[in-house]
Amino acid sequence: MAQRLEKIKADLEAAKEKRAWWDNRIRYLEKKLSDEEKTIVHDIVKAADLTPEELAQVIAYAKNHLPGNAPITATTEDSKEEIDEE
């Protein structure tokens, strides 16, 4: 019986070590993903040769418009109405 307990304890310890390794791996990959996303955004802004003020204008415009000149809020409200009707 004591041997079974020792085996379970050893398995538990091994699982905790694996969990710690995977937790570290997840943190590493999340940081890597975030850094890559930031690099892509930076490269796009740099390639567009925008000043901070111009970038702010582009972002403000993008927040309120979709292709076809439909404001995002109107499209979202229309979608909500369609969902409610179903």
C-alpha atoms as a PDB file:
ATOM      1  CA  MET A   1       0.000   0.000   0.000  1.00  0.00           C
ATOM      2  CA  ALA A   2       2.858   2.368   0.810  1.00  0.00           C
ATOM      3  CA  GLN A   3       4.356   1.635  -2.603  1.00  0.00           C
ATOM      4  CA  ARG A   4       1.143   2.776  -4.296  1.00  0.00           C
ATOM      5  CA  LEU A   5       1.207   6.021  -2.297  1.00  0.00           C
ATOM      6  CA  GLU A   6       4.838   6.641  -3.245  1.00  0.00           C
ATOM      7  CA  LYS A   7       4.043   6.043  -6.914  1.00  0.00           C
ATOM      8  CA  ILE A   8       1.088   8.437  -6.775  1.00  0.00           C
ATOM      9  CA  LYS A   9       3.238  11.067  -5.049  1.00  0.00           C
ATOM     10  CA  ALA A  10       5.949  10.652  -7.680  1.00  0.00           C
ATOM     11  CA  ASP A  11       3.377  10.952 -10.482  1.00  0.00           C
ATOM     12  CA  LEU A  12       1.942  14.055  -8.855  1.00  0.00           C
ATOM     13  CA  GLU A  13       5.378  15.655  -8.574  1.00  0.00           C
ATOM     14  CA  ALA A  14       6.142  14.843 -12.210  1.00  0.00           C
ATOM     15  CA  ALA A  15       2.808  16.345 -13.282  1.00  0.00           C
ATOM     16  CA  LYS A  16       3.531  19.529 -11.283  1.00  0.00           C
ATOM     17  CA  GLU A  17       6.918  19.844 -12.993  1.00  0.00           C
ATOM     18  CA  LYS A  18       5.299  19.414 -16.406  1.00  0.00           C
ATOM     19  CA  ARG A  19       2.650  21.987 -15.512  1.00  0.00           C
ATOM     20  CA  ALA A  20       5.333  24.461 -14.456  1.00  0.00           C
ATOM     21  CA  TRP A  21       7.188  23.857 -17.739  1.00  0.00           C
ATOM     22  CA  TRP A  22       3.994  24.359 -19.778  1.00  0.00           C
ATOM     23  CA  ASP A  23       3.056  27.478 -17.788  1.00  0.00           C
ATOM     24  CA  ASN A  24       6.469  28.962 -18.591  1.00  0.00           C
ATOM     25  CA  ARG A  25       6.093  27.937 -22.238  1.00  0.00           C
ATOM     26  CA  ILE A  26       2.684  29.610 -22.441  1.00  0.00           C
ATOM     27  CA  ARG A  27       4.026  32.853 -20.927  1.00  0.00           C
ATOM     28  CA  TYR A  28       6.956  32.793 -23.361  1.00  0.00           C
ATOM     29  CA  LEU A  29       4.702  32.225 -26.393  1.00  0.00           C
ATOM     30  CA  GLU A  30       2.201  34.896 -25.290  1.00  0.00           C
ATOM     31  CA  LYS A  31       5.034  37.422 -24.975  1.00  0.00           C
ATOM     32  CA  LYS A  32       6.490  36.363 -28.321  1.00  0.00           C
ATOM     33  CA  LEU A  33       3.069  36.744 -29.976  1.00  0.00           C
ATOM     34  CA  SER A  34       2.524  40.156 -28.420  1.00  0.00           C
ATOM     35  CA  ASP A  35       5.979  41.347 -29.494  1.00  0.00           C
ATOM     36  CA  GLU A  36       5.410  40.105 -33.050  1.00  0.00           C
ATOM     37  CA  GLU A  37       2.023  41.862 -33.254  1.00  0.00           C
ATOM     38  CA  LYS A  38       3.612  45.101 -32.051  1.00  0.00           C
ATOM     39  CA  THR A  39       6.404  44.731 -34.615  1.00  0.00           C
ATOM     40  CA  ILE A  40       3.894  44.230 -37.432  1.00  0.00           C
ATOM     41  CA  VAL A  41       1.898  47.296 -36.405  1.00  0.00           C
ATOM     42  CA  HIS A  42       5.100  49.326 -36.120  1.00  0.00           C
ATOM     43  CA  ASP A  43       6.241  48.199 -39.573  1.00  0.00           C
ATOM     44  CA  ILE A  44       2.878  49.113 -41.110  1.00  0.00           C
ATOM     45  CA  VAL A  45       2.906  52.570 -39.545  1.00  0.00           C
ATOM     46  CA  LYS A  46       6.525  53.126 -40.552  1.00  0.00           C
ATOM     47  CA  ALA A  47       5.851  51.995 -44.132  1.00  0.00           C
ATOM     48  CA  ALA A  48       2.883  54.370 -44.346  1.00  0.00           C
ATOM     49  CA  ASP A  49       5.174  57.186 -43.173  1.00  0.00           C
ATOM     50  CA  LEU A  50       2.515  58.633 -40.851  1.00  0.00           C
ATOM     51  CA  THR A  51       3.051  61.235 -38.180  1.00  0.00           C
ATOM     52  CA  PRO A  52       1.500  60.507 -34.784  1.00  0.00           C
ATOM     53  CA  GLU A  53      -1.239  63.023 -35.578  1.00  0.00           C
ATOM     54  CA  GLU A  54      -1.999  61.374 -38.925  1.00  0.00           C
ATOM     55  CA  LEU A  55      -2.061  57.961 -37.297  1.00  0.00           C
ATOM     56  CA  ALA A  56      -4.530  59.245 -34.700  1.00  0.00           C
ATOM     57  CA  GLN A  57      -6.762  60.523 -37.510  1.00  0.00           C
ATOM     58  CA  VAL A  58      -6.641  57.177 -39.313  1.00  0.00           C
ATOM     59  CA  ILE A  59      -7.527  55.309 -36.124  1.00  0.00           C
ATOM     60  CA  ALA A  60     -10.373  57.701 -35.319  1.00  0.00           C
ATOM     61  CA  TYR A  61     -11.754  57.276 -38.824  1.00  0.00           C
ATOM     62  CA  ALA A  62     -11.407  53.496 -38.726  1.00  0.00           C
ATOM     63  CA  LYS A  63     -13.301  53.301 -35.441  1.00  0.00           C
ATOM     64  CA  ASN A  64     -16.384  54.833 -37.030  1.00  0.00           C
ATOM     65  CA  HIS A  65     -16.371  53.470 -40.578  1.00  0.00           C
ATOM     66  CA  LEU A  66     -16.382  50.210 -42.434  1.00  0.00           C
ATOM     67  CA  PRO A  67     -15.945  49.720 -46.176  1.00  0.00           C
ATOM     68  CA  GLY A  68     -18.979  51.182 -47.908  1.00  0.00           C
ATOM     69  CA  ASN A  69     -19.078  54.173 -45.522  1.00  0.00           C
ATOM     70  CA  ALA A  70     -21.264  52.343 -42.991  1.00  0.00           C
ATOM     71  CA  PRO A  71     -20.521  53.420 -39.417  1.00  0.00           C
ATOM     72  CA  ILE A  72     -19.545  50.523 -37.165  1.00  0.00           C
ATOM     73  CA  THR A  73     -22.164  51.488 -34.581  1.00  0.00           C
ATOM     74  CA  ALA A  74     -24.968  51.400 -37.160  1.00  0.00           C
ATOM     75  CA  THR A  75     -23.831  48.033 -38.468  1.00  0.00           C
ATOM     76  CA  THR A  76     -23.590  46.663 -34.944  1.00  0.00           C
ATOM     77  CA  GLU A  77     -27.068  47.938 -34.074  1.00  0.00           C
ATOM     78  CA  ASP A  78     -28.502  46.447 -37.279  1.00  0.00           C
ATOM     79  CA  SER A  79     -26.919  43.101 -36.426  1.00  0.00           C
ATOM     80  CA  LYS A  80     -28.410  43.227 -32.933  1.00  0.00           C
ATOM     81  CA  GLU A  81     -31.850  43.909 -34.393  1.00  0.00           C
ATOM     82  CA  GLU A  82     -31.509  40.969 -36.780  1.00  0.00           C
ATOM     83  CA  ILE A  83     -30.474  38.679 -33.931  1.00  0.00           C
ATOM     84  CA  ASP A  84     -33.351  39.891 -31.751  1.00  0.00           C
ATOM     85  CA  GLU A  85     -35.840  39.225 -34.548  1.00  0.00           C
ATOM     86  CA  GLU A  86     -34.682  35.614 -34.902  1.00  0.00           C
END
